[in-house]
Structure formats: structure tokens, C-alpha cells
Amino acid sequence: MVLLAGEAVGWCQWYRWGDYPDEAKAVDARDGEVGADYAIGVPDLLGRGFGTAMIAALVAEVRRHHPGAGLVIAPEAANIPSRRILEKNGFRLESVRALATEPHDRPMAVYRLVATGVD
């Protein structure tokens, strides 16, 4: 859960792509890379920098557990605010395409934050 002043305002989760080989292949995840999902549930926090800070904190937490790990995250391509948040945190667009592992055929925007080279 993501808390702000003690109140739940969203959620994040991260996982090792290696634990999900079919999904890892679909997004071209590399060995040692991590994936993540997230959402903000309070409309008043949208467009105010909260999401950017939330993803920065998520990346820091992932790298606390897996120093230097790269991350691959794939929001829906139509979710422009989510894409901007990733870009503001240094993620680079790899591709936009439907993913066979998703339960729909809407295009996803596959973003990567490269590994820092620290093991």
C-alpha cells in the first residue's frame, strides 16, 4: 500500500521477471530484471507529481533488494499519464504492441530502466 499522511492512496508491487518466464519473454525482460505494477486511487493526487515520486520510491526499494537491477514496466499505451511518470524517472520506451500474455489485445507500452551495472 502507498500511504500519504497515514491514509492509503495507492499501491505498488514488484517482482522478478525470472519468476514469470512467459510474461518475461513477452516484454523481452533480461536476466535479473524486475517488473512492477502500480496505481494511484485518489483523483486529487493525479497530475501533481505524486506518481513520479511514487515510482522513484519504488525504483529505490527494488534496488535496495536487488542493487543495480533493471526494470521493465508495461502500462497500457493509452495511459499517457503513467507513461509520462515512467519517462520522468528515466525509463525509455522499448516498444508499443499487444502482449500475448495480457487478457486483452490493447497495445502496451514496454518501458525499460537499464541496470546500473552494480551487482
C-alpha atoms as a PDB file:
ATOM      1  CA  MET A   1       0.000   0.000   0.000  1.00  0.00           C
ATOM      2  CA  VAL A   2       1.087   3.558  -0.641  1.00  0.00           C
ATOM      3  CA  LEU A   3       0.318   5.803   2.315  1.00  0.00           C
ATOM      4  CA  LEU A   4       0.140   9.580   2.478  1.00  0.00           C
ATOM      5  CA  ALA A   5      -0.305  11.096   5.926  1.00  0.00           C
ATOM      6  CA  GLY A   6      -1.305   7.639   7.150  1.00  0.00           C
ATOM      7  CA  GLU A   7      -4.032   7.123   4.529  1.00  0.00           C
ATOM      8  CA  ALA A   8      -3.940   4.573   1.718  1.00  0.00           C
ATOM      9  CA  VAL A   9      -3.814   6.441  -1.598  1.00  0.00           C
ATOM     10  CA  GLY A  10      -2.494   3.755  -3.953  1.00  0.00           C
ATOM     11  CA  TRP A  11      -0.495   0.574  -4.267  1.00  0.00           C
ATOM     12  CA  CYS A  12       2.693  -0.795  -5.813  1.00  0.00           C
ATOM     13  CA  GLN A  13       4.136  -4.241  -6.245  1.00  0.00           C
ATOM     14  CA  TRP A  14       7.347  -5.510  -7.776  1.00  0.00           C
ATOM     15  CA  TYR A  15       8.502  -8.941  -8.852  1.00  0.00           C
ATOM     16  CA  ARG A  16      11.403 -10.673 -10.542  1.00  0.00           C
ATOM     17  CA  TRP A  17      10.631 -11.311 -14.205  1.00  0.00           C
ATOM     18  CA  GLY A  18      12.531 -14.594 -13.895  1.00  0.00           C
ATOM     19  CA  ASP A  19       9.663 -15.921 -11.765  1.00  0.00           C
ATOM     20  CA  TYR A  20       7.264 -15.377 -14.689  1.00  0.00           C
ATOM     21  CA  PRO A  21       9.055 -16.714 -17.775  1.00  0.00           C
ATOM     22  CA  ASP A  22       6.160 -16.396 -20.240  1.00  0.00           C
ATOM     23  CA  GLU A  23       5.482 -12.803 -19.269  1.00  0.00           C
ATOM     24  CA  ALA A  24       9.226 -12.036 -19.219  1.00  0.00           C
ATOM     25  CA  LYS A  25       9.552 -13.299 -22.769  1.00  0.00           C
ATOM     26  CA  ALA A  26       6.550 -11.221 -23.871  1.00  0.00           C
ATOM     27  CA  VAL A  27       8.188  -7.969 -22.672  1.00  0.00           C
ATOM     28  CA  ASP A  28      11.742  -9.009 -23.608  1.00  0.00           C
ATOM     29  CA  ALA A  29      12.877  -8.842 -19.972  1.00  0.00           C
ATOM     30  CA  ARG A  30      16.519  -9.705 -19.412  1.00  0.00           C
ATOM     31  CA  ASP A  31      18.049 -11.880 -16.701  1.00  0.00           C
ATOM     32  CA  GLY A  32      17.867 -10.134 -13.340  1.00  0.00           C
ATOM     33  CA  GLU A  33      15.337  -7.506 -14.395  1.00  0.00           C
ATOM     34  CA  VAL A  34      12.355  -6.648 -12.264  1.00  0.00           C
ATOM     35  CA  GLY A  35       8.774  -5.773 -13.167  1.00  0.00           C
ATOM     36  CA  ALA A  36       6.288  -3.628 -11.296  1.00  0.00           C
ATOM     37  CA  ASP A  37       2.635  -2.623 -11.205  1.00  0.00           C
ATOM     38  CA  TYR A  38       1.153   0.434  -9.531  1.00  0.00           C
ATOM     39  CA  ALA A  39      -1.912   2.630  -9.228  1.00  0.00           C
ATOM     40  CA  ILE A  40      -2.993   5.838  -7.560  1.00  0.00           C
ATOM     41  CA  GLY A  41      -6.511   5.664  -6.171  1.00  0.00           C
ATOM     42  CA  VAL A  42      -7.073   9.299  -5.170  1.00  0.00           C
ATOM     43  CA  PRO A  43      -8.012  11.530  -8.132  1.00  0.00           C
ATOM     44  CA  ASP A  44      -6.841  14.703  -6.352  1.00  0.00           C
ATOM     45  CA  LEU A  45      -3.255  13.361  -6.430  1.00  0.00           C
ATOM     46  CA  LEU A  46      -3.196  12.934 -10.206  1.00  0.00           C
ATOM     47  CA  GLY A  47      -1.131  15.396 -12.213  1.00  0.00           C
ATOM     48  CA  ARG A  48       0.636  16.792  -9.136  1.00  0.00           C
ATOM     49  CA  GLY A  49       3.930  14.881  -9.145  1.00  0.00           C
ATOM     50  CA  PHE A  50       2.810  12.227  -6.679  1.00  0.00           C
ATOM     51  CA  GLY A  51       3.058   9.400  -9.213  1.00  0.00           C
ATOM     52  CA  THR A  52       6.554  10.471 -10.228  1.00  0.00           C
ATOM     53  CA  ALA A  53       7.652  10.416  -6.589  1.00  0.00           C
ATOM     54  CA  MET A  54       5.905   7.097  -6.012  1.00  0.00           C
ATOM     55  CA  ILE A  55       7.765   5.432  -8.899  1.00  0.00           C
ATOM     56  CA  ALA A  56      11.080   6.946  -7.758  1.00  0.00           C
ATOM     57  CA  ALA A  57      10.475   5.396  -4.332  1.00  0.00           C
ATOM     58  CA  LEU A  58       9.514   2.087  -5.939  1.00  0.00           C
ATOM     59  CA  VAL A  59      12.722   2.017  -8.011  1.00  0.00           C
ATOM     60  CA  ALA A  60      14.741   2.806  -4.872  1.00  0.00           C
ATOM     61  CA  GLU A  61      13.037  -0.024  -2.991  1.00  0.00           C
ATOM     62  CA  VAL A  62      13.627  -2.506  -5.824  1.00  0.00           C
ATOM     63  CA  ARG A  63      17.279  -1.533  -5.979  1.00  0.00           C
ATOM     64  CA  ARG A  64      17.607  -1.825  -2.206  1.00  0.00           C
ATOM     65  CA  HIS A  65      16.697  -5.503  -2.593  1.00  0.00           C
ATOM     66  CA  HIS A  66      18.367  -6.014  -5.986  1.00  0.00           C
ATOM     67  CA  PRO A  67      21.173  -3.434  -6.308  1.00  0.00           C
ATOM     68  CA  GLY A  68      21.525  -2.077  -9.819  1.00  0.00           C
ATOM     69  CA  ALA A  69      18.605  -4.100 -11.227  1.00  0.00           C
ATOM     70  CA  GLY A  70      16.999  -3.010 -14.454  1.00  0.00           C
ATOM     71  CA  LEU A  71      13.228  -2.669 -14.531  1.00  0.00           C
ATOM     72  CA  VAL A  72      10.716  -3.363 -17.285  1.00  0.00           C
ATOM     73  CA  ILE A  73       7.202  -1.969 -16.878  1.00  0.00           C
ATOM     74  CA  ALA A  74       4.401  -2.119 -19.456  1.00  0.00           C
ATOM     75  CA  PRO A  75       1.391   0.163 -18.910  1.00  0.00           C
ATOM     76  CA  GLU A  76      -1.362   0.351 -21.492  1.00  0.00           C
ATOM     77  CA  ALA A  77      -0.173   2.538 -24.356  1.00  0.00           C
ATOM     78  CA  ALA A  78      -3.239   4.768 -23.968  1.00  0.00           C
ATOM     79  CA  ASN A  79      -2.316   5.557 -20.350  1.00  0.00           C
ATOM     80  CA  ILE A  80      -0.329   8.695 -21.148  1.00  0.00           C
ATOM     81  CA  PRO A  81      -0.023   9.893 -17.509  1.00  0.00           C
ATOM     82  CA  SER A  82       1.537   6.577 -16.471  1.00  0.00           C
ATOM     83  CA  ARG A  83       3.906   6.699 -19.412  1.00  0.00           C
ATOM     84  CA  ARG A  84       4.995  10.232 -18.521  1.00  0.00           C
ATOM     85  CA  ILE A  85       5.685   9.154 -14.933  1.00  0.00           C
ATOM     86  CA  LEU A  86       7.973   6.401 -16.182  1.00  0.00           C
ATOM     87  CA  GLU A  87       9.761   8.766 -18.571  1.00  0.00           C
ATOM     88  CA  LYS A  88      10.302  11.298 -15.787  1.00  0.00           C
ATOM     89  CA  ASN A  89      12.005   8.512 -13.833  1.00  0.00           C
ATOM     90  CA  GLY A  90      14.424   7.670 -16.639  1.00  0.00           C
ATOM     91  CA  PHE A  91      12.560   4.790 -18.259  1.00  0.00           C
ATOM     92  CA  ARG A  92      12.895   4.562 -22.050  1.00  0.00           C
ATOM     93  CA  LEU A  93      10.234   3.304 -24.431  1.00  0.00           C
ATOM     94  CA  GLU A  94      11.237  -0.030 -25.980  1.00  0.00           C
ATOM     95  CA  SER A  95       8.095  -0.847 -27.978  1.00  0.00           C
ATOM     96  CA  VAL A  96       4.342  -0.432 -28.254  1.00  0.00           C
ATOM     97  CA  ARG A  97       2.473  -3.622 -29.042  1.00  0.00           C
ATOM     98  CA  ALA A  98      -0.138  -6.082 -27.858  1.00  0.00           C
ATOM     99  CA  LEU A  99       1.269  -8.697 -25.488  1.00  0.00           C
ATOM    100  CA  ALA A 100       0.120 -12.300 -25.820  1.00  0.00           C
ATOM    101  CA  THR A 101       0.154 -12.701 -22.031  1.00  0.00           C
ATOM    102  CA  GLU A 102      -2.389  -9.909 -21.433  1.00  0.00           C
ATOM    103  CA  PRO A 103      -6.102 -10.791 -21.230  1.00  0.00           C
ATOM    104  CA  HIS A 104      -6.864  -8.189 -23.937  1.00  0.00           C
ATOM    105  CA  ASP A 105      -5.411  -7.045 -27.249  1.00  0.00           C
ATOM    106  CA  ARG A 106      -4.896  -3.379 -26.381  1.00  0.00           C
ATOM    107  CA  PRO A 107      -1.354  -2.193 -27.087  1.00  0.00           C
ATOM    108  CA  MET A 108       1.022  -1.937 -24.171  1.00  0.00           C
ATOM    109  CA  ALA A 109       3.962   0.459 -23.934  1.00  0.00           C
ATOM    110  CA  VAL A 110       7.019  -1.507 -22.830  1.00  0.00           C
ATOM    111  CA  TYR A 111       9.462   0.690 -20.902  1.00  0.00           C
ATOM    112  CA  ARG A 112      12.908  -0.200 -19.561  1.00  0.00           C
ATOM    113  CA  LEU A 113      15.069   1.414 -16.914  1.00  0.00           C
ATOM    114  CA  VAL A 114      18.510  -0.013 -17.588  1.00  0.00           C
ATOM    115  CA  ALA A 115      20.538  -1.772 -14.945  1.00  0.00           C
ATOM    116  CA  THR A 116      23.167   0.403 -13.301  1.00  0.00           C
ATOM    117  CA  GLY A 117      25.895  -2.235 -13.523  1.00  0.00           C
ATOM    118  CA  VAL A 118      26.062  -2.776  -9.765  1.00  0.00           C
ATOM    119  CA  ASP A 119      25.739  -6.426  -8.717  1.00  0.00           C
END
